[in-house]
Amino acid sequence: MSKDKDKREKTVEEADDFNVEEFFEDDPTPEEKSEPTEADKLREELNKQKDSYVRLFAEYENYRK
């Protein structure tokens, strides 16, 4: 049991040392991004298709009523 307690205490100490600014230091801000990545393009296309599907489904439900 003391090993588990030591692990928890160590985790808490590590969390206290964690600095959010250092974690996100390398992430570019939206202004710094030059062009969307392939994943961003695919995510945007997926969102468009999902929106189209939801609208078509709503129109069909309205038609049925």
PDB file of N, CA and C in Angstrom:
ATOM      1  N   MET A   1       0.809  -1.190   0.000  1.00  0.00           N
ATOM      2  CA  MET A   1       0.000   0.000   0.000  1.00  0.00           C
ATOM      3  C   MET A   1       0.852   1.253   0.000  1.00  0.00           C
ATOM      4  N   SER A   2       1.979   1.211   0.653  1.00  0.00           N
ATOM      5  CA  SER A   2       2.825   2.397   0.709  1.00  0.00           C
ATOM      6  C   SER A   2       3.379   2.737  -0.669  1.00  0.00           C
ATOM      7  N   LYS A   3       3.565   1.719  -1.521  1.00  0.00           N
ATOM      8  CA  LYS A   3       4.038   1.988  -2.882  1.00  0.00           C
ATOM      9  C   LYS A   3       3.000   2.779  -3.662  1.00  0.00           C
ATOM     10  N   ASP A   4       1.716   2.416  -3.509  1.00  0.00           N
ATOM     11  CA  ASP A   4       0.646   3.141  -4.180  1.00  0.00           C
ATOM     12  C   ASP A   4       0.584   4.579  -3.699  1.00  0.00           C
ATOM     13  N   LYS A   5       0.753   4.764  -2.391  1.00  0.00           N
ATOM     14  CA  LYS A   5       0.721   6.106  -1.833  1.00  0.00           C
ATOM     15  C   LYS A   5       1.889   6.926  -2.373  1.00  0.00           C
ATOM     16  N   ASP A   6       3.073   6.305  -2.463  1.00  0.00           N
ATOM     17  CA  ASP A   6       4.231   7.002  -2.996  1.00  0.00           C
ATOM     18  C   ASP A   6       3.997   7.404  -4.446  1.00  0.00           C
ATOM     19  N   LYS A   7       3.372   6.517  -5.241  1.00  0.00           N
ATOM     20  CA  LYS A   7       3.081   6.829  -6.636  1.00  0.00           C
ATOM     21  C   LYS A   7       2.114   8.006  -6.738  1.00  0.00           C
ATOM     22  N   ARG A   8       1.084   8.020  -5.886  1.00  0.00           N
ATOM     23  CA  ARG A   8       0.119   9.126  -5.908  1.00  0.00           C
ATOM     24  C   ARG A   8       0.796  10.431  -5.522  1.00  0.00           C
ATOM     25  N   GLU A   9       1.638  10.398  -4.503  1.00  0.00           N
ATOM     26  CA  GLU A   9       2.330  11.604  -4.079  1.00  0.00           C
ATOM     27  C   GLU A   9       3.252  12.107  -5.174  1.00  0.00           C
ATOM     28  N   LYS A  10       3.926  11.193  -5.845  1.00  0.00           N
ATOM     29  CA  LYS A  10       4.818  11.586  -6.928  1.00  0.00           C
ATOM     30  C   LYS A  10       4.019  12.226  -8.064  1.00  0.00           C
ATOM     31  N   THR A  11       2.866  11.649  -8.370  1.00  0.00           N
ATOM     32  CA  THR A  11       2.027  12.193  -9.429  1.00  0.00           C
ATOM     33  C   THR A  11       1.564  13.592  -9.071  1.00  0.00           C
ATOM     34  N   VAL A  12       1.182  13.814  -7.837  1.00  0.00           N
ATOM     35  CA  VAL A  12       0.752  15.135  -7.396  1.00  0.00           C
ATOM     36  C   VAL A  12       1.905  16.118  -7.507  1.00  0.00           C
ATOM     37  N   GLU A  13       3.094  15.709  -7.105  1.00  0.00           N
ATOM     38  CA  GLU A  13       4.249  16.589  -7.205  1.00  0.00           C
ATOM     39  C   GLU A  13       4.546  16.928  -8.656  1.00  0.00           C
ATOM     40  N   GLU A  14       4.433  15.956  -9.550  1.00  0.00           N
ATOM     41  CA  GLU A  14       4.664  16.212 -10.960  1.00  0.00           C
ATOM     42  C   GLU A  14       3.618  17.173 -11.504  1.00  0.00           C
ATOM     43  N   ALA A  15       2.380  17.033 -11.070  1.00  0.00           N
ATOM     44  CA  ALA A  15       1.314  17.916 -11.534  1.00  0.00           C
ATOM     45  C   ALA A  15       1.560  19.341 -11.068  1.00  0.00           C
ATOM     46  N   ASP A  16       2.113  19.502  -9.875  1.00  0.00           N
ATOM     47  CA  ASP A  16       2.410  20.840  -9.378  1.00  0.00           C
ATOM     48  C   ASP A  16       3.492  21.511 -10.216  1.00  0.00           C
ATOM     49  N   ASP A  17       4.408  20.720 -10.772  1.00  0.00           N
ATOM     50  CA  ASP A  17       5.496  21.266 -11.571  1.00  0.00           C
ATOM     51  C   ASP A  17       5.085  21.538 -13.012  1.00  0.00           C
ATOM     52  N   PHE A  18       3.918  21.079 -13.422  1.00  0.00           N
ATOM     53  CA  PHE A  18       3.467  21.207 -14.803  1.00  0.00           C
ATOM     54  C   PHE A  18       3.136  22.653 -15.109  1.00  0.00           C
ATOM     55  N   ASN A  19       3.665  23.154 -16.211  1.00  0.00           N
ATOM     56  CA  ASN A  19       3.428  24.525 -16.631  1.00  0.00           C
ATOM     57  C   ASN A  19       2.676  24.503 -17.959  1.00  0.00           C
ATOM     58  N   VAL A  20       1.479  25.051 -17.973  1.00  0.00           N
ATOM     59  CA  VAL A  20       0.636  25.013 -19.168  1.00  0.00           C
ATOM     60  C   VAL A  20       1.287  25.777 -20.319  1.00  0.00           C
ATOM     61  N   GLU A  21       1.897  26.910 -20.045  1.00  0.00           N
ATOM     62  CA  GLU A  21       2.513  27.703 -21.107  1.00  0.00           C
ATOM     63  C   GLU A  21       3.616  26.917 -21.814  1.00  0.00           C
ATOM     64  N   GLU A  22       4.401  26.162 -21.046  1.00  0.00           N
ATOM     65  CA  GLU A  22       5.455  25.354 -21.656  1.00  0.00           C
ATOM     66  C   GLU A  22       4.863  24.246 -22.511  1.00  0.00           C
ATOM     67  N   PHE A  23       3.738  23.694 -22.088  1.00  0.00           N
ATOM     68  CA  PHE A  23       3.103  22.607 -22.838  1.00  0.00           C
ATOM     69  C   PHE A  23       2.632  23.090 -24.206  1.00  0.00           C
ATOM     70  N   PHE A  24       2.074  24.289 -24.271  1.00  0.00           N
ATOM     71  CA  PHE A  24       1.544  24.813 -25.524  1.00  0.00           C
ATOM     72  C   PHE A  24       2.524  25.740 -26.234  1.00  0.00           C
ATOM     73  N   GLU A  25       3.749  25.783 -25.782  1.00  0.00           N
ATOM     74  CA  GLU A  25       4.729  26.707 -26.331  1.00  0.00           C
ATOM     75  C   GLU A  25       4.961  26.503 -27.821  1.00  0.00           C
ATOM     76  N   ASP A  26       4.999  25.258 -28.287  1.00  0.00           N
ATOM     77  CA  ASP A  26       5.296  24.972 -29.679  1.00  0.00           C
ATOM     78  C   ASP A  26       4.069  25.018 -30.583  1.00  0.00           C
ATOM     79  N   ASP A  27       2.863  25.075 -30.001  1.00  0.00           N
ATOM     80  CA  ASP A  27       1.654  25.124 -30.814  1.00  0.00           C
ATOM     81  C   ASP A  27       1.531  26.491 -31.472  1.00  0.00           C
ATOM     82  N   PRO A  28       1.332  26.513 -32.774  1.00  0.00           N
ATOM     83  CA  PRO A  28       1.163  27.806 -33.428  1.00  0.00           C
ATOM     84  C   PRO A  28      -0.210  28.391 -33.115  1.00  0.00           C
ATOM     85  N   THR A  29      -0.267  29.698 -32.982  1.00  0.00           N
ATOM     86  CA  THR A  29      -1.547  30.356 -32.778  1.00  0.00           C
ATOM     87  C   THR A  29      -2.271  30.388 -34.114  1.00  0.00           C
ATOM     88  N   PRO A  30      -3.563  30.642 -34.127  1.00  0.00           N
ATOM     89  CA  PRO A  30      -4.287  30.647 -35.402  1.00  0.00           C
ATOM     90  C   PRO A  30      -3.694  31.611 -36.419  1.00  0.00           C
ATOM     91  N   GLU A  31      -3.125  32.709 -35.969  1.00  0.00           N
ATOM     92  CA  GLU A  31      -2.521  33.663 -36.896  1.00  0.00           C
ATOM     93  C   GLU A  31      -1.244  33.120 -37.525  1.00  0.00           C
ATOM     94  N   GLU A  32      -0.560  32.201 -36.808  1.00  0.00           N
ATOM     95  CA  GLU A  32       0.709  31.673 -37.289  1.00  0.00           C
ATOM     96  C   GLU A  32       0.535  30.519 -38.269  1.00  0.00           C
ATOM     97  N   LYS A  33      -0.639  29.892 -38.320  1.00  0.00           N
ATOM     98  CA  LYS A  33      -0.846  28.780 -39.227  1.00  0.00           C
ATOM     99  C   LYS A  33      -0.870  29.313 -40.657  1.00  0.00           C
ATOM    100  N   SER A  34      -0.061  28.713 -41.519  1.00  0.00           N
ATOM    101  CA  SER A  34       0.017  29.201 -42.878  1.00  0.00           C
ATOM    102  C   SER A  34      -1.067  28.597 -43.762  1.00  0.00           C
ATOM    103  N   GLU A  35      -1.238  27.292 -43.724  1.00  0.00           N
ATOM    104  CA  GLU A  35      -2.262  26.657 -44.533  1.00  0.00           C
ATOM    105  C   GLU A  35      -2.792  25.438 -43.797  1.00  0.00           C
ATOM    106  N   PRO A  36      -4.048  25.085 -44.078  1.00  0.00           N
ATOM    107  CA  PRO A  36      -4.622  23.936 -43.375  1.00  0.00           C
ATOM    108  C   PRO A  36      -3.943  22.627 -43.772  1.00  0.00           C
ATOM    109  N   THR A  37      -3.857  21.735 -42.831  1.00  0.00           N
ATOM    110  CA  THR A  37      -3.261  20.439 -43.096  1.00  0.00           C
ATOM    111  C   THR A  37      -4.286  19.543 -43.773  1.00  0.00           C
ATOM    112  N   GLU A  38      -3.847  18.374 -44.200  1.00  0.00           N
ATOM    113  CA  GLU A  38      -4.737  17.414 -44.836  1.00  0.00           C
ATOM    114  C   GLU A  38      -5.854  17.008 -43.874  1.00  0.00           C
ATOM    115  N   ALA A  39      -5.506  16.829 -42.604  1.00  0.00           N
ATOM    116  CA  ALA A  39      -6.509  16.458 -41.604  1.00  0.00           C
ATOM    117  C   ALA A  39      -7.547  17.570 -41.436  1.00  0.00           C
ATOM    118  N   ASP A  40      -7.101  18.823 -41.451  1.00  0.00           N
ATOM    119  CA  ASP A  40      -8.033  19.944 -41.339  1.00  0.00           C
ATOM    120  C   ASP A  40      -8.985  19.984 -42.526  1.00  0.00           C
ATOM    121  N   LYS A  41      -8.458  19.724 -43.706  1.00  0.00           N
ATOM    122  CA  LYS A  41      -9.293  19.718 -44.911  1.00  0.00           C
ATOM    123  C   LYS A  41     -10.331  18.604 -44.836  1.00  0.00           C
ATOM    124  N   LEU A  42      -9.896  17.425 -44.412  1.00  0.00           N
ATOM    125  CA  LEU A  42     -10.819  16.297 -44.294  1.00  0.00           C
ATOM    126  C   LEU A  42     -11.869  16.546 -43.219  1.00  0.00           C
ATOM    127  N   ARG A  43     -11.457  17.150 -42.107  1.00  0.00           N
ATOM    128  CA  ARG A  43     -12.394  17.456 -41.029  1.00  0.00           C
ATOM    129  C   ARG A  43     -13.450  18.453 -41.513  1.00  0.00           C
ATOM    130  N   GLU A  44     -13.030  19.446 -42.289  1.00  0.00           N
ATOM    131  CA  GLU A  44     -13.961  20.436 -42.829  1.00  0.00           C
ATOM    132  C   GLU A  44     -14.948  19.771 -43.795  1.00  0.00           C
ATOM    133  N   GLU A  45     -14.443  18.900 -44.663  1.00  0.00           N
ATOM    134  CA  GLU A  45     -15.309  18.186 -45.603  1.00  0.00           C
ATOM    135  C   GLU A  45     -16.303  17.292 -44.859  1.00  0.00           C
ATOM    136  N   LEU A  46     -15.833  16.620 -43.815  1.00  0.00           N
ATOM    137  CA  LEU A  46     -16.716  15.781 -43.008  1.00  0.00           C
ATOM    138  C   LEU A  46     -17.817  16.614 -42.368  1.00  0.00           C
ATOM    139  N   ASN A  47     -17.472  17.775 -41.844  1.00  0.00           N
ATOM    140  CA  ASN A  47     -18.472  18.642 -41.228  1.00  0.00           C
ATOM    141  C   ASN A  47     -19.503  19.106 -42.248  1.00  0.00           C
ATOM    142  N   LYS A  48     -19.071  19.397 -43.472  1.00  0.00           N
ATOM    143  CA  LYS A  48     -20.001  19.802 -44.527  1.00  0.00           C
ATOM    144  C   LYS A  48     -20.947  18.662 -44.867  1.00  0.00           C
ATOM    145  N   GLN A  49     -20.414  17.454 -45.003  1.00  0.00           N
ATOM    146  CA  GLN A  49     -21.242  16.297 -45.328  1.00  0.00           C
ATOM    147  C   GLN A  49     -22.226  15.993 -44.197  1.00  0.00           C
ATOM    148  N   LYS A  50     -21.770  16.114 -42.966  1.00  0.00           N
ATOM    149  CA  LYS A  50     -22.640  15.860 -41.822  1.00  0.00           C
ATOM    150  C   LYS A  50     -23.766  16.884 -41.787  1.00  0.00           C
ATOM    151  N   ASP A  51     -23.451  18.143 -42.029  1.00  0.00           N
ATOM    152  CA  ASP A  51     -24.463  19.192 -42.051  1.00  0.00           C
ATOM    153  C   ASP A  51     -25.488  18.919 -43.150  1.00  0.00           C
ATOM    154  N   SER A  52     -25.006  18.514 -44.315  1.00  0.00           N
ATOM    155  CA  SER A  52     -25.889  18.196 -45.428  1.00  0.00           C
ATOM    156  C   SER A  52     -26.826  17.045 -45.059  1.00  0.00           C
ATOM    157  N   TYR A  53     -26.299  16.016 -44.442  1.00  0.00           N
ATOM    158  CA  TYR A  53     -27.097  14.864 -44.027  1.00  0.00           C
ATOM    159  C   TYR A  53     -28.159  15.270 -43.013  1.00  0.00           C
ATOM    160  N   VAL A  54     -27.787  16.059 -42.029  1.00  0.00           N
ATOM    161  CA  VAL A  54     -28.725  16.466 -40.983  1.00  0.00           C
ATOM    162  C   VAL A  54     -29.855  17.293 -41.592  1.00  0.00           C
ATOM    163  N   ARG A  55     -29.518  18.173 -42.526  1.00  0.00           N
ATOM    164  CA  ARG A  55     -30.551  18.992 -43.165  1.00  0.00           C
ATOM    165  C   ARG A  55     -31.492  18.125 -44.005  1.00  0.00           C
ATOM    166  N   LEU A  56     -30.937  17.181 -44.762  1.00  0.00           N
ATOM    167  CA  LEU A  56     -31.763  16.295 -45.568  1.00  0.00           C
ATOM    168  C   LEU A  56     -32.681  15.452 -44.683  1.00  0.00           C
ATOM    169  N   PHE A  57     -32.159  14.962 -43.582  1.00  0.00           N
ATOM    170  CA  PHE A  57     -32.954  14.174 -42.654  1.00  0.00           C
ATOM    171  C   PHE A  57     -34.092  15.014 -42.076  1.00  0.00           C
ATOM    172  N   ALA A  58     -33.805  16.260 -41.727  1.00  0.00           N
ATOM    173  CA  ALA A  58     -34.839  17.150 -41.182  1.00  0.00           C
ATOM    174  C   ALA A  58     -35.912  17.418 -42.230  1.00  0.00           C
ATOM    175  N   GLU A  59     -35.516  17.632 -43.468  1.00  0.00           N
ATOM    176  CA  GLU A  59     -36.492  17.838 -44.534  1.00  0.00           C
ATOM    177  C   GLU A  59     -37.365  16.600 -44.715  1.00  0.00           C
ATOM    178  N   TYR A  60     -36.785  15.434 -44.652  1.00  0.00           N
ATOM    179  CA  TYR A  60     -37.543  14.197 -44.800  1.00  0.00           C
ATOM    180  C   TYR A  60     -38.528  14.035 -43.648  1.00  0.00           C
ATOM    181  N   GLU A  61     -38.088  14.329 -42.427  1.00  0.00           N
ATOM    182  CA  GLU A  61     -38.983  14.243 -41.267  1.00  0.00           C
ATOM    183  C   GLU A  61     -40.144  15.204 -41.426  1.00  0.00           C
ATOM    184  N   ASN A  62     -39.878  16.403 -41.911  1.00  0.00           N
ATOM    185  CA  ASN A  62     -40.949  17.380 -42.135  1.00  0.00           C
ATOM    186  C   ASN A  62     -41.917  16.875 -43.210  1.00  0.00           C
ATOM    187  N   TYR A  63     -41.404  16.257 -44.243  1.00  0.00           N
ATOM    188  CA  TYR A  63     -42.225  15.713 -45.306  1.00  0.00           C
ATOM    189  C   TYR A  63     -43.150  14.625 -44.757  1.00  0.00           C
ATOM    190  N   ARG A  64     -42.593  13.756 -43.902  1.00  0.00           N
ATOM    191  CA  ARG A  64     -43.397  12.681 -43.333  1.00  0.00           C
ATOM    192  C   ARG A  64     -44.536  13.194 -42.463  1.00  0.00           C
ATOM    193  N   LYS A  65     -44.300  14.278 -41.786  1.00  0.00           N
ATOM    194  CA  LYS A  65     -45.327  14.843 -40.884  1.00  0.00           C
ATOM    195  C   LYS A  65     -46.404  15.479 -41.712  1.00  0.00           C
TER     196      LYS A  65
END
